């Protein structure tokens, strides 16, 4: 176990401080993704049943007032379904931007080495090039993983919204 931690710390050191920002963002993003997965698998079923029960308790469902109540129930449910979805989308968009920030800081280090050594020492420039490519790769991998999860969650959210709309009928 300690060997794995050493390898991870060495990788993080090679990527520079920006890699730690990417790691924190990925942890935050995946925490929100797992929260949404848990919500859709467990808590949403109870919330949906409660909304349907409120609607089914109404004696009439065809009047203007009933339609307004239905719209309010659907709107409140939409808020519950889409909670944190925009934050997840923002995190996905920020991952490659932080990778680009790592690229820029690594290239600044390369230019600094070139200025100090006169530009001819390839070995001393290699560290800065490495420091610029690792965050770029990490940002792209993080964005791709978040993009797939976000697309999956968006599909679940759309399906659940449509399913709830179909359940709140006015024909009883």
C-alpha atoms as a PDB file:
ATOM      1  CA  UNK A   1       0.000   0.000   0.000  1.00  0.00           C
ATOM      2  CA  UNK A   2       2.797   2.422   0.810  1.00  0.00           C
ATOM      3  CA  UNK A   3       4.341   1.707  -2.599  1.00  0.00           C
ATOM      4  CA  UNK A   4       1.170   2.864  -4.343  1.00  0.00           C
ATOM      5  CA  UNK A   5       1.108   6.048  -2.308  1.00  0.00           C
ATOM      6  CA  UNK A   6       4.750   6.732  -3.166  1.00  0.00           C
ATOM      7  CA  UNK A   7       4.043   6.284  -6.889  1.00  0.00           C
ATOM      8  CA  UNK A   8       1.034   8.610  -6.697  1.00  0.00           C
ATOM      9  CA  UNK A   9       3.009  11.253  -4.796  1.00  0.00           C
ATOM     10  CA  UNK A  10       5.855  11.018  -7.320  1.00  0.00           C
ATOM     11  CA  UNK A  11       3.371  11.468 -10.178  1.00  0.00           C
ATOM     12  CA  UNK A  12       1.785  14.454  -8.438  1.00  0.00           C
ATOM     13  CA  UNK A  13       5.225  15.979  -7.863  1.00  0.00           C
ATOM     14  CA  UNK A  14       6.087  15.623 -11.552  1.00  0.00           C
ATOM     15  CA  UNK A  15       2.886  17.421 -12.526  1.00  0.00           C
ATOM     16  CA  UNK A  16       3.377  20.395 -10.249  1.00  0.00           C
ATOM     17  CA  UNK A  17       0.947  22.241  -8.013  1.00  0.00           C
ATOM     18  CA  UNK A  18      -1.749  22.454 -10.686  1.00  0.00           C
ATOM     19  CA  UNK A  19      -2.104  18.678 -10.562  1.00  0.00           C
ATOM     20  CA  UNK A  20      -3.214  18.983  -6.942  1.00  0.00           C
ATOM     21  CA  UNK A  21      -5.917  21.442  -8.031  1.00  0.00           C
ATOM     22  CA  UNK A  22      -7.080  19.005 -10.691  1.00  0.00           C
ATOM     23  CA  UNK A  23      -7.143  16.191  -8.124  1.00  0.00           C
ATOM     24  CA  UNK A  24      -9.229  18.290  -5.720  1.00  0.00           C
ATOM     25  CA  UNK A  25     -11.634  19.239  -8.513  1.00  0.00           C
ATOM     26  CA  UNK A  26     -11.979  15.609  -9.616  1.00  0.00           C
ATOM     27  CA  UNK A  27     -12.659  14.517  -6.034  1.00  0.00           C
ATOM     28  CA  UNK A  28     -15.342  17.194  -5.682  1.00  0.00           C
ATOM     29  CA  UNK A  29     -16.874  16.352  -9.077  1.00  0.00           C
ATOM     30  CA  UNK A  30     -17.046  12.624  -8.394  1.00  0.00           C
ATOM     31  CA  UNK A  31     -18.466  13.238  -4.931  1.00  0.00           C
ATOM     32  CA  UNK A  32     -21.345  15.093  -6.590  1.00  0.00           C
ATOM     33  CA  UNK A  33     -21.705  12.373  -9.233  1.00  0.00           C
ATOM     34  CA  UNK A  34     -21.949   9.657  -6.584  1.00  0.00           C
ATOM     35  CA  UNK A  35     -24.454  11.775  -4.651  1.00  0.00           C
ATOM     36  CA  UNK A  36     -26.670  12.009  -7.754  1.00  0.00           C
ATOM     37  CA  UNK A  37     -26.332   8.261  -8.415  1.00  0.00           C
ATOM     38  CA  UNK A  38     -27.365   7.533  -4.835  1.00  0.00           C
ATOM     39  CA  UNK A  39     -30.263   9.977  -5.092  1.00  0.00           C
ATOM     40  CA  UNK A  40     -31.611   8.397  -8.267  1.00  0.00           C
ATOM     41  CA  UNK A  41     -31.199   4.858  -6.949  1.00  0.00           C
ATOM     42  CA  UNK A  42     -32.696   5.383  -3.498  1.00  0.00           C
ATOM     43  CA  UNK A  43     -34.057   8.750  -2.397  1.00  0.00           C
ATOM     44  CA  UNK A  44     -35.788   9.765  -5.643  1.00  0.00           C
ATOM     45  CA  UNK A  45     -38.169   6.795  -5.437  1.00  0.00           C
ATOM     46  CA  UNK A  46     -39.520   8.112  -2.142  1.00  0.00           C
ATOM     47  CA  UNK A  47     -39.753  11.686  -3.422  1.00  0.00           C
ATOM     48  CA  UNK A  48     -41.549  10.534  -6.579  1.00  0.00           C
ATOM     49  CA  UNK A  49     -44.004   8.421  -4.554  1.00  0.00           C
ATOM     50  CA  UNK A  50     -44.748  11.418  -2.349  1.00  0.00           C
ATOM     51  CA  UNK A  51     -45.436  13.685  -5.342  1.00  0.00           C
ATOM     52  CA  UNK A  52     -47.694  11.065  -6.940  1.00  0.00           C
ATOM     53  CA  UNK A  53     -49.541  10.584  -3.643  1.00  0.00           C
ATOM     54  CA  UNK A  54     -50.160  14.339  -3.338  1.00  0.00           C
ATOM     55  CA  UNK A  55     -51.533  14.393  -6.873  1.00  0.00           C
ATOM     56  CA  UNK A  56     -53.671  11.280  -6.395  1.00  0.00           C
ATOM     57  CA  UNK A  57     -55.251  12.738  -3.225  1.00  0.00           C
ATOM     58  CA  UNK A  58     -56.856  15.502  -5.282  1.00  0.00           C
ATOM     59  CA  UNK A  59     -60.515  14.858  -5.948  1.00  0.00           C
ATOM     60  CA  UNK A  60     -60.499  16.746  -9.254  1.00  0.00           C
ATOM     61  CA  UNK A  61     -57.639  17.042 -11.715  1.00  0.00           C
ATOM     62  CA  UNK A  62     -59.033  18.909 -14.710  1.00  0.00           C
ATOM     63  CA  UNK A  63     -59.546  22.492 -13.564  1.00  0.00           C
ATOM     64  CA  UNK A  64     -57.159  25.396 -14.029  1.00  0.00           C
ATOM     65  CA  UNK A  65     -56.216  25.172 -10.323  1.00  0.00           C
ATOM     66  CA  UNK A  66     -55.441  21.469 -10.655  1.00  0.00           C
ATOM     67  CA  UNK A  67     -53.205  22.146 -13.643  1.00  0.00           C
ATOM     68  CA  UNK A  68     -51.353  24.800 -11.664  1.00  0.00           C
ATOM     69  CA  UNK A  69     -50.863  22.372  -8.779  1.00  0.00           C
ATOM     70  CA  UNK A  70     -49.537  19.791 -11.258  1.00  0.00           C
ATOM     71  CA  UNK A  71     -47.130  22.347 -12.732  1.00  0.00           C
ATOM     72  CA  UNK A  72     -45.915  23.251  -9.236  1.00  0.00           C
ATOM     73  CA  UNK A  73     -45.366  19.590  -8.340  1.00  0.00           C
ATOM     74  CA  UNK A  74     -43.462  18.982 -11.569  1.00  0.00           C
ATOM     75  CA  UNK A  75     -41.375  22.115 -11.102  1.00  0.00           C
ATOM     76  CA  UNK A  76     -40.441  21.191  -7.535  1.00  0.00           C
ATOM     77  CA  UNK A  77     -39.544  17.682  -8.656  1.00  0.00           C
ATOM     78  CA  UNK A  78     -37.452  19.042 -11.518  1.00  0.00           C
ATOM     79  CA  UNK A  79     -35.442  21.051  -8.988  1.00  0.00           C
ATOM     80  CA  UNK A  80     -34.806  17.918  -6.930  1.00  0.00           C
ATOM     81  CA  UNK A  81     -33.848  15.896 -10.004  1.00  0.00           C
ATOM     82  CA  UNK A  82     -31.480  18.523 -11.401  1.00  0.00           C
ATOM     83  CA  UNK A  83     -29.838  19.438  -8.092  1.00  0.00           C
ATOM     84  CA  UNK A  84     -26.026  19.717  -8.536  1.00  0.00           C
ATOM     85  CA  UNK A  85     -26.212  18.813 -12.236  1.00  0.00           C
ATOM     86  CA  UNK A  86     -25.037  22.279 -13.301  1.00  0.00           C
ATOM     87  CA  UNK A  87     -22.148  22.108 -10.822  1.00  0.00           C
ATOM     88  CA  UNK A  88     -21.069  18.758 -12.262  1.00  0.00           C
ATOM     89  CA  UNK A  89     -21.184  20.221 -15.780  1.00  0.00           C
ATOM     90  CA  UNK A  90     -19.069  23.169 -14.605  1.00  0.00           C
ATOM     91  CA  UNK A  91     -16.507  20.842 -13.028  1.00  0.00           C
ATOM     92  CA  UNK A  92     -16.263  18.882 -16.281  1.00  0.00           C
ATOM     93  CA  UNK A  93     -15.600  22.134 -18.139  1.00  0.00           C
ATOM     94  CA  UNK A  94     -12.990  23.278 -15.597  1.00  0.00           C
ATOM     95  CA  UNK A  95     -10.861  20.110 -15.776  1.00  0.00           C
ATOM     96  CA  UNK A  96      -9.266  20.811 -19.186  1.00  0.00           C
ATOM     97  CA  UNK A  97      -8.868  24.478 -18.275  1.00  0.00           C
ATOM     98  CA  UNK A  98      -6.848  23.549 -15.210  1.00  0.00           C
ATOM     99  CA  UNK A  99      -4.845  21.183 -17.419  1.00  0.00           C
ATOM    100  CA  UNK A 100      -4.136  24.109 -19.702  1.00  0.00           C
ATOM    101  CA  UNK A 101      -3.040  26.141 -16.690  1.00  0.00           C
ATOM    102  CA  UNK A 102      -0.582  23.347 -15.892  1.00  0.00           C
ATOM    103  CA  UNK A 103       0.670  23.488 -19.471  1.00  0.00           C
ATOM    104  CA  UNK A 104       1.300  27.202 -19.211  1.00  0.00           C
ATOM    105  CA  UNK A 105       3.091  26.983 -15.864  1.00  0.00           C
ATOM    106  CA  UNK A 106       5.261  24.123 -17.170  1.00  0.00           C
ATOM    107  CA  UNK A 107       6.153  26.067 -20.280  1.00  0.00           C
ATOM    108  CA  UNK A 108       7.054  29.084 -18.156  1.00  0.00           C
ATOM    109  CA  UNK A 109       9.514  26.816 -16.368  1.00  0.00           C
ATOM    110  CA  UNK A 110      10.936  25.698 -19.744  1.00  0.00           C
ATOM    111  CA  UNK A 111      11.365  29.314 -20.841  1.00  0.00           C
ATOM    112  CA  UNK A 112      12.998  30.153 -17.529  1.00  0.00           C
ATOM    113  CA  UNK A 113      15.513  27.328 -18.014  1.00  0.00           C
ATOM    114  CA  UNK A 114      16.141  28.512 -21.578  1.00  0.00           C
ATOM    115  CA  UNK A 115      16.789  32.038 -20.334  1.00  0.00           C
ATOM    116  CA  UNK A 116      19.180  30.885 -17.625  1.00  0.00           C
ATOM    117  CA  UNK A 117      21.113  28.289 -19.652  1.00  0.00           C
ATOM    118  CA  UNK A 118      20.995  29.984 -23.026  1.00  0.00           C
ATOM    119  CA  UNK A 119      18.568  27.504 -24.590  1.00  0.00           C
ATOM    120  CA  UNK A 120      20.924  24.685 -25.432  1.00  0.00           C
ATOM    121  CA  UNK A 121      20.457  22.276 -22.513  1.00  0.00           C
ATOM    122  CA  UNK A 122      17.715  19.809 -23.462  1.00  0.00           C
ATOM    123  CA  UNK A 123      18.003  17.804 -20.222  1.00  0.00           C
ATOM    124  CA  UNK A 124      17.226  20.792 -18.048  1.00  0.00           C
ATOM    125  CA  UNK A 125      14.256  21.727 -20.249  1.00  0.00           C
ATOM    126  CA  UNK A 126      12.799  18.204 -20.055  1.00  0.00           C
ATOM    127  CA  UNK A 127      11.551  18.725 -16.498  1.00  0.00           C
ATOM    128  CA  UNK A 128       9.472  21.709 -17.529  1.00  0.00           C
ATOM    129  CA  UNK A 129       8.111  19.887 -20.564  1.00  0.00           C
ATOM    130  CA  UNK A 130       7.117  16.988 -18.335  1.00  0.00           C
ATOM    131  CA  UNK A 131       5.524  19.404 -15.888  1.00  0.00           C
ATOM    132  CA  UNK A 132       3.510  20.881 -18.754  1.00  0.00           C
ATOM    133  CA  UNK A 133       2.252  17.646 -20.329  1.00  0.00           C
ATOM    134  CA  UNK A 134       1.170  15.726 -17.225  1.00  0.00           C
ATOM    135  CA  UNK A 135      -1.455  18.273 -16.080  1.00  0.00           C
ATOM    136  CA  UNK A 136      -2.782  18.510 -19.629  1.00  0.00           C
ATOM    137  CA  UNK A 137      -3.267  14.764 -19.771  1.00  0.00           C
ATOM    138  CA  UNK A 138      -4.754  14.637 -16.277  1.00  0.00           C
ATOM    139  CA  UNK A 139      -7.214  17.429 -17.065  1.00  0.00           C
ATOM    140  CA  UNK A 140      -8.378  15.706 -20.241  1.00  0.00           C
ATOM    141  CA  UNK A 141      -8.770  12.310 -18.561  1.00  0.00           C
ATOM    142  CA  UNK A 142     -10.698  13.897 -15.700  1.00  0.00           C
ATOM    143  CA  UNK A 143     -12.940  15.778 -18.122  1.00  0.00           C
ATOM    144  CA  UNK A 144     -13.658  12.638 -20.139  1.00  0.00           C
ATOM    145  CA  UNK A 145     -14.573  10.591 -17.082  1.00  0.00           C
ATOM    146  CA  UNK A 146     -16.817  13.376 -15.815  1.00  0.00           C
ATOM    147  CA  UNK A 147     -18.357  13.870 -19.250  1.00  0.00           C
ATOM    148  CA  UNK A 148     -19.417  10.225 -19.490  1.00  0.00           C
ATOM    149  CA  UNK A 149     -20.866  10.272 -15.974  1.00  0.00           C
ATOM    150  CA  UNK A 150     -22.615  13.609 -16.573  1.00  0.00           C
ATOM    151  CA  UNK A 151     -24.190  12.350 -19.806  1.00  0.00           C
ATOM    152  CA  UNK A 152     -25.426   9.256 -17.989  1.00  0.00           C
ATOM    153  CA  UNK A 153     -26.900  11.361 -15.180  1.00  0.00           C
ATOM    154  CA  UNK A 154     -28.561  13.764 -17.650  1.00  0.00           C
ATOM    155  CA  UNK A 155     -30.276  10.817 -19.343  1.00  0.00           C
ATOM    156  CA  UNK A 156     -31.514   9.474 -16.023  1.00  0.00           C
ATOM    157  CA  UNK A 157     -32.797  12.931 -15.057  1.00  0.00           C
ATOM    158  CA  UNK A 158     -34.669  13.380 -18.349  1.00  0.00           C
ATOM    159  CA  UNK A 159     -36.152   9.885 -18.108  1.00  0.00           C
ATOM    160  CA  UNK A 160     -37.308  10.403 -14.519  1.00  0.00           C
ATOM    161  CA  UNK A 161     -38.851  13.800 -15.325  1.00  0.00           C
ATOM    162  CA  UNK A 162     -40.795  12.304 -18.222  1.00  0.00           C
ATOM    163  CA  UNK A 163     -41.866   9.319 -16.139  1.00  0.00           C
ATOM    164  CA  UNK A 164     -43.194  11.613 -13.414  1.00  0.00           C
ATOM    165  CA  UNK A 165     -45.071  13.764 -15.941  1.00  0.00           C
ATOM    166  CA  UNK A 166     -46.673  10.627 -17.319  1.00  0.00           C
ATOM    167  CA  UNK A 167     -47.736   9.515 -13.839  1.00  0.00           C
ATOM    168  CA  UNK A 168     -49.496  12.794 -12.970  1.00  0.00           C
ATOM    169  CA  UNK A 169     -52.490  12.285 -15.228  1.00  0.00           C
ATOM    170  CA  UNK A 170     -55.840  14.067 -15.085  1.00  0.00           C
ATOM    171  CA  UNK A 171     -57.988  11.147 -16.211  1.00  0.00           C
ATOM    172  CA  UNK A 172     -59.366   9.543 -13.030  1.00  0.00           C
END
